[in-house]
Amino acid sequence: MSIQNPVPATIDATLEMLTSEDYVAGRALATVLFLSLRMQRPLFLEGEAGVGKTEIAKVLAKALDRPLIRLQCYEGLDVASAVYEWNYPAQMLEIRLAEATGEDDKSAIERSIFSEKHLIRRPVLQALGGVAGRAPVFLIDELDRTDEAFEAFLLEILSDYQVTIPELGTIKAEEPPIVIITSNRTREIHDALKRRCLYHWVDYPTADVELEIVRRKVPGCHAELSRQVVAYVQHLRQMDLFKSPGVAETIDWATALTELDRLALDPETVSDTIGTLLKYQDDIARIEGSAGRELLAEVKAELAASV
């Protein structure tokens, strides 16, 4: 099968591809993404939650017209959940049928029950099963949530794009998938895995970039409200909060305010909708009352001075 949407041929083309899908990226990210695609190396993205790491994989899948296969990591993730497992009920049924028909060739029975038809493919095996020309985008999301044992298991996959199943042998990808790995850095990922990847730190965007993101993602948001929302969020990130709002929360807040037909921020509106922006009560308590009003006044004063 031919590639319907080939990988970008230049860094500028990569940047244009991201922009066409309303993902606002800097040249540094476009460069490492271009190299990852051309070199067929996994891309390891670190950064705070909500800065757009996962979205990169979604944008790639859409722009390149590839399937998106997502492995959501969590504590206790094992091979059965991530790679494969056998369909035990179907295997038992086949054994019973063989016994009922008098089949006594144990080798034949074993080959039959440990065959592809009884193999349940989980995300890793699905990612290795793509056809040439349309290998999937394989998102390994929040790898830092797993333990080191599973991280070590990924080494074979990321090195040779293959996985070994004892009963079947080694299954190797016809064409390597496009691998995007994300981490919120709740723990350090081992160097052995990082060496197999290209690396990029996804930081909070500047005010100008975040304003462009809001304009693209929430086109119905009033221009002045967009400026105030972005400036307010930028100020919050300078405070000592338990969890600073990410870009995802900025978009949610702008969307919520647009749904309420607000044209500008005021103390009451901020208080009523702050739950779309901050998700911890201690953080919300820090900007309630006079502190919140002072912050909003400071934001508006700075915006007025910049006009």
Protein backbone atom coordinates (compact mmCIF):
# COMPACT_ATOMS: atom_id res chain seq x y z
CA MET A 1 0.00 0.00 0.00
CA SER A 2 1.42 3.40 -0.93
CA ILE A 3 1.79 6.19 1.57
CA GLN A 4 -1.11 8.59 1.17
CA ASN A 5 0.54 11.33 3.20
CA PRO A 6 4.35 10.96 3.19
CA VAL A 7 6.47 12.20 6.05
CA PRO A 8 7.62 15.81 5.66
CA ALA A 9 10.76 16.29 3.58
CA THR A 10 12.03 19.36 5.48
CA ILE A 11 11.82 21.03 8.87
CA ASP A 12 9.69 23.79 7.37
CA ALA A 13 7.31 21.19 5.96
CA THR A 14 7.09 19.59 9.40
CA LEU A 15 6.23 22.94 10.91
CA GLU A 16 3.60 23.50 8.24
CA MET A 17 2.13 20.06 8.89
CA LEU A 18 1.73 20.81 12.59
CA THR A 19 0.27 24.25 11.88
CA SER A 20 -2.22 22.79 9.39
CA GLU A 21 -3.62 20.68 12.24
CA ASP A 22 -3.78 23.73 14.54
CA TYR A 23 -0.80 22.62 16.64
CA VAL A 24 1.33 25.67 17.36
CA ALA A 25 4.94 24.55 17.67
CA GLY A 26 8.35 26.17 17.72
CA ARG A 27 11.14 25.33 15.31
CA ALA A 28 13.01 23.27 17.92
CA LEU A 29 10.10 20.86 18.28
CA ALA A 30 9.58 20.73 14.52
CA THR A 31 13.28 19.92 14.05
CA VAL A 32 13.39 17.01 16.51
CA LEU A 33 10.10 15.67 15.13
CA PHE A 34 11.45 15.87 11.56
CA LEU A 35 14.59 13.99 12.61
CA SER A 36 12.57 11.38 14.47
CA LEU A 37 10.50 10.69 11.36
CA ARG A 38 13.45 10.62 8.97
CA MET A 39 15.71 8.53 11.22
CA GLN A 40 12.87 6.23 12.36
CA ARG A 41 13.80 6.80 15.96
CA PRO A 42 11.35 7.06 18.87
CA LEU A 43 10.70 10.58 20.12
CA PHE A 44 10.79 10.98 23.89
CA LEU A 45 8.84 14.02 25.11
CA GLU A 46 9.05 15.27 28.68
CA GLY A 47 7.23 18.17 30.27
CA GLU A 48 4.55 19.18 32.72
CA ALA A 49 1.09 17.69 32.36
CA GLY A 50 -1.15 19.55 29.92
CA VAL A 51 1.51 21.15 27.70
CA GLY A 52 0.56 19.23 24.55
CA LYS A 53 2.82 16.16 24.50
CA THR A 54 0.06 13.64 23.83
CA GLU A 55 -1.50 15.94 21.25
CA ILE A 56 1.62 15.66 19.09
CA ALA A 57 0.95 11.97 18.49
CA LYS A 58 -2.70 12.65 17.66
CA VAL A 59 -1.73 15.39 15.22
CA LEU A 60 0.85 13.14 13.54
CA ALA A 61 -1.65 10.31 13.09
CA LYS A 62 -4.20 12.67 11.54
CA ALA A 63 -1.76 14.57 9.34
CA LEU A 64 -0.01 11.45 8.03
CA ASP A 65 -3.23 9.44 7.76
CA ARG A 66 -1.89 6.70 10.03
CA PRO A 67 -3.69 4.64 12.69
CA LEU A 68 -3.07 5.87 16.24
CA ILE A 69 -2.36 3.13 18.77
CA ARG A 70 -2.17 4.32 22.35
CA LEU A 71 -0.64 2.51 25.30
CA GLN A 72 -1.75 4.36 28.42
CA CYS A 73 0.78 3.54 31.11
CA TYR A 74 -0.06 2.99 34.76
CA GLU A 75 1.45 1.40 37.84
CA GLY A 76 1.38 -2.37 37.53
CA LEU A 77 1.14 -2.45 33.72
CA ASP A 78 2.26 -5.90 32.57
CA VAL A 79 2.88 -7.85 29.37
CA ALA A 80 -0.65 -9.27 29.26
CA SER A 81 -2.16 -5.78 29.23
CA ALA A 82 0.45 -4.10 27.02
CA VAL A 83 1.69 -6.71 24.55
CA TYR A 84 -0.40 -9.87 24.22
CA GLU A 85 -2.25 -12.63 25.99
CA TRP A 86 -3.78 -15.93 24.96
CA ASN A 87 -7.51 -16.44 24.58
CA TYR A 88 -7.71 -19.12 27.28
CA PRO A 89 -11.46 -19.90 26.97
CA ALA A 90 -11.07 -20.49 23.21
CA GLN A 91 -7.97 -22.62 23.80
CA MET A 92 -9.78 -24.76 26.37
CA LEU A 93 -12.72 -25.20 23.99
CA GLU A 94 -10.39 -26.37 21.23
CA ILE A 95 -8.76 -28.86 23.58
CA ARG A 96 -12.17 -30.25 24.57
CA LEU A 97 -13.19 -30.54 20.91
CA ALA A 98 -9.96 -32.36 20.10
CA GLU A 99 -10.58 -34.79 22.95
CA ALA A 100 -14.17 -35.33 21.78
CA THR A 101 -13.06 -36.16 18.22
CA GLY A 102 -10.35 -38.52 19.40
CA GLU A 103 -7.43 -36.34 18.34
CA ASP A 104 -4.34 -37.67 20.10
CA ASP A 105 -1.53 -35.82 18.32
CA LYS A 106 -0.35 -33.61 21.17
CA SER A 107 2.02 -31.64 18.95
CA ALA A 108 -0.76 -30.79 16.52
CA ILE A 109 -3.05 -29.75 19.36
CA GLU A 110 -0.32 -27.56 20.84
CA ARG A 111 0.35 -25.90 17.48
CA SER A 112 -3.33 -25.26 17.06
CA ILE A 113 -4.01 -23.73 20.47
CA PHE A 114 -0.86 -21.57 20.38
CA SER A 115 -1.59 -20.09 16.96
CA GLU A 116 -2.42 -16.61 15.73
CA LYS A 117 -6.16 -17.24 15.92
CA HIS A 118 -5.96 -17.51 19.71
CA LEU A 119 -3.59 -14.56 20.17
CA ILE A 120 -5.09 -11.40 21.63
CA ARG A 121 -3.03 -8.47 20.40
CA ARG A 122 -2.58 -5.62 22.85
CA PRO A 123 -1.23 -2.16 21.87
CA VAL A 124 2.45 -3.13 21.52
CA LEU A 125 1.72 -6.05 19.21
CA GLN A 126 -0.83 -3.99 17.28
CA ALA A 127 1.81 -1.31 16.72
CA LEU A 128 4.22 -3.88 15.28
CA GLY A 129 1.58 -5.23 12.91
CA GLY A 130 1.27 -2.23 10.61
CA VAL A 131 1.64 -2.73 6.86
CA ALA A 132 4.43 -1.09 4.87
CA GLY A 133 3.52 2.46 3.94
CA ARG A 134 1.00 2.92 6.75
CA ALA A 135 2.84 1.92 9.89
CA PRO A 136 0.87 3.32 12.85
CA VAL A 137 1.72 6.12 15.22
CA PHE A 138 2.41 4.35 18.51
CA LEU A 139 1.87 6.56 21.56
CA ILE A 140 3.37 5.29 24.82
CA ASP A 141 1.72 7.78 27.13
CA GLU A 142 3.02 8.71 30.61
CA LEU A 143 5.77 6.10 30.73
CA ASP A 144 6.88 7.46 34.10
CA ARG A 145 3.76 5.90 35.67
CA THR A 146 5.04 2.36 35.04
CA ASP A 147 7.77 0.56 36.96
CA GLU A 148 11.34 -0.06 35.84
CA ALA A 149 10.64 -3.70 34.97
CA PHE A 150 8.20 -2.75 32.23
CA GLU A 151 10.50 0.03 31.07
CA ALA A 152 13.25 -2.57 30.63
CA PHE A 153 10.87 -4.77 28.63
CA LEU A 154 10.42 -1.94 26.12
CA LEU A 155 14.12 -1.97 25.25
CA GLU A 156 13.83 -4.85 22.77
CA ILE A 157 10.83 -3.23 21.15
CA LEU A 158 12.46 0.17 20.76
CA SER A 159 15.79 -1.28 19.60
CA ASP A 160 14.64 -3.78 16.98
CA TYR A 161 10.87 -3.18 16.71
CA GLN A 162 10.20 -6.77 17.59
CA VAL A 163 8.77 -8.79 20.44
CA THR A 164 9.39 -12.41 21.36
CA ILE A 165 6.46 -14.69 22.20
CA PRO A 166 7.77 -18.00 23.58
CA GLU A 167 5.05 -20.12 21.93
CA LEU A 168 5.25 -18.41 18.52
CA GLY A 169 8.73 -16.96 18.24
CA THR A 170 9.81 -13.45 17.33
CA ILE A 171 7.36 -11.07 15.68
CA LYS A 172 9.08 -8.21 13.88
CA ALA A 173 7.47 -5.10 12.41
CA GLU A 174 7.27 -5.03 8.62
CA GLU A 175 7.86 -1.28 8.95
CA PRO A 176 8.77 0.44 12.24
CA PRO A 177 5.91 2.39 13.79
CA ILE A 178 6.25 6.09 14.53
CA VAL A 179 6.86 6.00 18.27
CA ILE A 180 6.05 8.91 20.58
CA ILE A 181 6.83 8.44 24.28
CA THR A 182 5.64 10.96 26.87
CA SER A 183 6.58 11.48 30.50
CA ASN A 184 5.44 13.97 33.12
CA ARG A 185 8.72 13.33 34.94
CA THR A 186 7.21 11.99 38.15
CA ARG A 187 10.29 9.75 38.10
CA GLU A 188 13.43 9.56 36.01
CA ILE A 189 13.41 7.25 32.99
CA HIS A 190 16.47 5.00 32.70
CA ASP A 191 19.30 6.10 30.41
CA ALA A 192 19.19 2.81 28.48
CA LEU A 193 15.74 3.69 27.15
CA LYS A 194 16.54 7.35 26.56
CA ARG A 195 19.56 6.40 24.42
CA ARG A 196 17.21 4.73 21.96
CA CYS A 197 15.21 7.92 21.49
CA LEU A 198 15.50 11.50 20.37
CA TYR A 199 14.59 13.87 23.20
CA HIS A 200 12.67 17.10 23.57
CA TRP A 201 11.44 19.02 26.60
CA VAL A 202 7.98 20.50 25.98
CA ASP A 203 7.77 23.67 28.06
CA TYR A 204 4.89 25.97 28.86
CA PRO A 205 4.37 28.29 25.88
CA THR A 206 5.11 31.99 25.87
CA ALA A 207 2.17 34.38 26.09
CA ASP A 208 2.18 35.05 22.34
CA VAL A 209 2.23 31.36 21.47
CA GLU A 210 -0.47 30.52 24.01
CA LEU A 211 -2.66 33.32 22.67
CA GLU A 212 -2.32 31.85 19.18
CA ILE A 213 -3.28 28.43 20.56
CA VAL A 214 -6.42 29.87 22.16
CA ARG A 215 -7.34 31.65 18.94
CA ARG A 216 -7.06 28.40 17.01
CA LYS A 217 -8.69 26.09 19.54
CA VAL A 218 -11.42 28.48 20.77
CA PRO A 219 -12.21 30.63 17.72
CA GLY A 220 -15.41 31.95 19.30
CA CYS A 221 -13.59 33.50 22.25
CA HIS A 222 -13.64 37.32 22.24
CA ALA A 223 -10.24 38.82 21.39
CA GLU A 224 -9.94 40.84 24.59
CA LEU A 225 -11.09 37.91 26.71
CA SER A 226 -8.46 35.70 25.06
CA ARG A 227 -5.73 38.19 25.96
CA GLN A 228 -6.92 38.39 29.55
CA VAL A 229 -7.22 34.62 29.93
CA VAL A 230 -3.70 34.01 28.63
CA ALA A 231 -2.18 36.81 30.71
CA TYR A 232 -3.96 35.54 33.84
CA VAL A 233 -2.70 31.98 33.28
CA GLN A 234 0.82 33.22 32.62
CA HIS A 235 0.76 35.03 35.97
CA LEU A 236 -0.54 31.96 37.76
CA ARG A 237 2.39 29.91 36.47
CA GLN A 238 4.76 32.32 38.20
CA MET A 239 3.13 31.57 41.54
CA ASP A 240 4.11 28.73 43.85
CA LEU A 241 1.12 26.50 43.11
CA PHE A 242 0.82 22.78 43.72
CA LYS A 243 -0.12 22.30 40.04
CA SER A 244 0.22 25.12 37.56
CA PRO A 245 -2.42 25.14 34.83
CA GLY A 246 -1.36 23.63 31.52
CA VAL A 247 -2.34 24.67 28.02
CA ALA A 248 -5.22 22.19 28.15
CA GLU A 249 -6.65 24.04 31.16
CA THR A 250 -6.22 27.38 29.40
CA ILE A 251 -8.25 26.08 26.48
CA ASP A 252 -10.90 24.67 28.83
CA TRP A 253 -11.20 27.98 30.67
CA ALA A 254 -11.48 30.01 27.48
CA THR A 255 -14.11 27.57 26.21
CA ALA A 256 -16.10 27.77 29.45
CA LEU A 257 -16.04 31.57 29.45
CA THR A 258 -17.15 31.62 25.82
CA GLU A 259 -20.05 29.31 26.65
CA LEU A 260 -21.05 31.80 29.36
CA ASP A 261 -20.92 34.64 26.80
CA ARG A 262 -18.28 36.54 28.74
CA LEU A 263 -16.38 39.30 26.96
CA ALA A 264 -13.90 40.07 29.76
CA LEU A 265 -12.77 38.77 33.12
CA ASP A 266 -14.15 40.10 36.39
CA PRO A 267 -13.61 38.83 39.97
CA GLU A 268 -16.96 37.06 40.14
CA THR A 269 -16.46 35.27 36.83
CA VAL A 270 -12.97 34.16 37.84
CA SER A 271 -14.29 32.82 41.15
CA ASP A 272 -17.19 30.98 39.51
CA THR A 273 -15.12 29.30 36.80
CA ILE A 274 -11.74 28.76 38.48
CA GLY A 275 -12.45 25.03 38.76
CA THR A 276 -11.83 24.65 35.03
CA LEU A 277 -8.36 26.11 35.49
CA LEU A 278 -7.09 24.94 38.88
CA LYS A 279 -7.76 21.43 40.20
CA TYR A 280 -6.50 21.61 43.79
CA GLN A 281 -8.36 23.37 46.58
CA ASP A 282 -5.16 24.74 48.15
CA ASP A 283 -4.31 26.46 44.85
CA ILE A 284 -7.83 27.85 44.52
CA ALA A 285 -7.72 29.15 48.10
CA ARG A 286 -4.54 31.09 47.33
CA ILE A 287 -6.26 33.29 44.77
CA GLU A 288 -9.62 33.73 46.43
CA GLY A 289 -10.74 37.03 47.89
CA SER A 290 -8.48 40.07 47.77
CA ALA A 291 -5.49 38.15 46.37
CA GLY A 292 -7.52 37.13 43.33
CA ARG A 293 -8.81 40.65 42.76
CA GLU A 294 -5.30 42.07 43.01
CA LEU A 295 -4.00 39.51 40.51
CA LEU A 296 -6.77 40.32 38.04
CA ALA A 297 -6.18 44.07 38.45
CA GLU A 298 -2.46 43.55 37.80
CA VAL A 299 -3.20 41.54 34.67
CA LYS A 300 -5.56 44.18 33.27
CA ALA A 301 -3.15 47.00 34.09
CA GLU A 302 -0.32 45.26 32.23
CA LEU A 303 -2.51 44.59 29.21
CA ALA A 304 -3.68 48.19 29.15
CA ALA A 305 -0.09 49.42 29.30
CA SER A 306 0.94 47.15 26.42
CA VAL A 307 -1.67 48.48 23.99
